[in-house]
Amino acid sequence: MYALLIILHILACFVLILIVLLQAGKGADMGAAFGGSSQTVFGSSGAGTFLGKMTAGVAILFMLTSLLLTYTASHRSSSLMDRSKLPVTRQTLPVTKPDAAKLPAIPPAAPVNK
């Protein structure tokens, strides 16, 4: 469920970015007023209503997935020990005596004069 929410949230992010980049800015209407008709692909009224409604819908989906991800993240266990069902076992390493021949020689300490 959590992975599905993350995938849906990421898709909503990308779609929202693309929709906002497709929309014309406020200054584009001024260029059309002086004779240039650059929005004839979407009809005479332009893409304002379609892209506006699509932006609102995807923005609502983005907000809902954000809230659901926040809610599920706050109720998930943050500790690995809480999620683990296996018992914890302690392993001890065998203690061996060091071989004196393999140890480096320690020089004698200099006498301390007080």
Protein backbone atom coordinates (compact mmCIF):
# COMPACT_ATOMS: atom_id res chain seq x y z
CA MET A 1 0.00 0.00 0.00
CA TYR A 2 2.81 2.38 0.94
CA ALA A 3 4.71 1.70 -2.30
CA LEU A 4 1.56 2.29 -4.34
CA LEU A 5 1.05 5.66 -2.65
CA ILE A 6 4.63 6.66 -3.38
CA ILE A 7 4.30 5.70 -7.06
CA LEU A 8 0.99 7.59 -7.36
CA HIS A 9 2.51 10.62 -5.65
CA ILE A 10 5.54 10.69 -7.97
CA LEU A 11 3.30 10.36 -11.04
CA ALA A 12 1.12 13.21 -9.77
CA CYS A 13 4.27 15.34 -9.31
CA PHE A 14 5.44 14.79 -12.87
CA VAL A 15 1.98 15.34 -14.39
CA LEU A 16 1.50 18.52 -12.36
CA ILE A 17 4.87 19.86 -13.52
CA LEU A 18 4.04 19.10 -17.16
CA ILE A 19 0.59 20.70 -16.95
CA VAL A 20 1.96 23.87 -15.40
CA LEU A 21 4.68 24.08 -18.06
CA LEU A 22 2.09 23.65 -20.83
CA GLN A 23 0.01 26.58 -19.62
CA ALA A 24 0.60 29.96 -21.17
CA GLY A 25 1.62 32.83 -18.95
CA LYS A 26 -0.36 36.01 -18.34
CA GLY A 27 1.73 37.88 -20.90
CA ALA A 28 0.76 35.52 -23.73
CA ASP A 29 -2.73 37.05 -23.91
CA MET A 30 -1.25 40.45 -24.74
CA GLY A 31 0.53 39.00 -27.78
CA ALA A 32 -2.72 37.51 -29.06
CA ALA A 33 -4.48 40.86 -28.65
CA PHE A 34 -2.16 42.47 -31.19
CA GLY A 35 -2.89 40.03 -33.97
CA GLY A 36 -1.00 36.86 -33.09
CA SER A 37 -3.24 33.86 -32.49
CA SER A 38 -0.95 31.27 -30.97
CA GLN A 39 -3.59 29.15 -29.22
CA THR A 40 -5.61 27.89 -32.17
CA VAL A 41 -4.75 24.26 -31.35
CA PHE A 42 -7.05 24.28 -28.31
CA GLY A 43 -9.77 26.37 -29.95
CA SER A 44 -10.57 30.05 -29.94
CA SER A 45 -10.85 30.25 -26.15
CA GLY A 46 -7.46 28.65 -25.72
CA ALA A 47 -6.44 25.92 -23.32
CA GLY A 48 -7.36 27.89 -20.22
CA THR A 49 -10.41 25.94 -19.08
CA PHE A 50 -9.17 22.44 -19.89
CA LEU A 51 -5.68 22.88 -18.45
CA GLY A 52 -7.06 24.83 -15.50
CA LYS A 53 -9.43 22.01 -14.54
CA MET A 54 -6.75 19.40 -15.09
CA THR A 55 -4.32 21.37 -12.91
CA ALA A 56 -6.90 21.59 -10.12
CA GLY A 57 -7.63 17.85 -10.30
CA VAL A 58 -3.98 16.78 -10.26
CA ALA A 59 -3.22 19.31 -7.48
CA ILE A 60 -6.00 17.77 -5.34
CA LEU A 61 -4.59 14.29 -6.04
CA PHE A 62 -1.10 15.54 -5.09
CA MET A 63 -2.38 16.99 -1.80
CA LEU A 64 -4.32 13.84 -0.92
CA THR A 65 -1.34 11.57 -1.58
CA SER A 66 0.85 13.94 0.47
CA LEU A 67 -1.53 13.71 3.41
CA LEU A 68 -1.86 9.93 3.13
CA LEU A 69 1.91 9.47 2.92
CA THR A 70 2.36 11.67 5.99
CA TYR A 71 -0.27 9.72 7.91
CA THR A 72 1.14 6.31 7.00
CA ALA A 73 4.73 7.41 7.68
CA SER A 74 3.79 8.63 11.16
CA HIS A 75 2.14 5.31 11.99
CA ARG A 76 4.94 3.13 10.65
CA SER A 77 7.53 1.70 12.96
CA SER A 78 10.80 3.58 12.70
CA SER A 79 12.93 1.03 14.50
CA LEU A 80 14.37 -2.02 12.82
CA MET A 81 13.98 -3.95 16.07
CA ASP A 82 10.23 -3.31 16.13
CA ARG A 83 9.78 -4.64 12.60
CA SER A 84 11.91 -7.70 13.18
CA LYS A 85 10.13 -10.89 14.19
CA LEU A 86 13.33 -12.90 14.59
CA PRO A 87 14.87 -13.33 18.03
CA VAL A 88 18.13 -11.53 18.60
CA THR A 89 21.01 -13.88 19.35
CA ARG A 90 24.41 -12.84 20.62
CA GLN A 91 27.40 -14.45 19.02
CA THR A 92 30.64 -14.59 20.95
CA LEU A 93 34.01 -14.83 19.33
CA PRO A 94 36.54 -17.29 20.72
CA VAL A 95 39.20 -15.66 22.86
CA THR A 96 42.71 -16.78 22.04
CA LYS A 97 46.00 -15.88 23.63
CA PRO A 98 48.28 -13.79 21.41
CA ASP A 99 51.41 -15.45 20.11
CA ALA A 100 54.38 -13.61 21.63
CA ALA A 101 56.56 -14.26 18.61
CA LYS A 102 54.18 -12.40 16.28
CA LEU A 103 53.80 -9.30 18.46
CA PRO A 104 56.03 -6.30 17.72
CA ALA A 105 58.76 -5.56 20.21
CA ILE A 106 57.98 -2.75 22.63
CA PRO A 107 60.99 -0.60 23.47
CA PRO A 108 61.65 -0.17 27.20
CA ALA A 109 60.30 3.00 28.71
CA ALA A 110 62.77 5.75 29.55
CA PRO A 111 63.20 6.39 33.26
CA VAL A 112 61.31 9.37 34.56
CA ASN A 113 63.38 11.88 36.62
CA LYS A 114 61.45 13.88 39.11
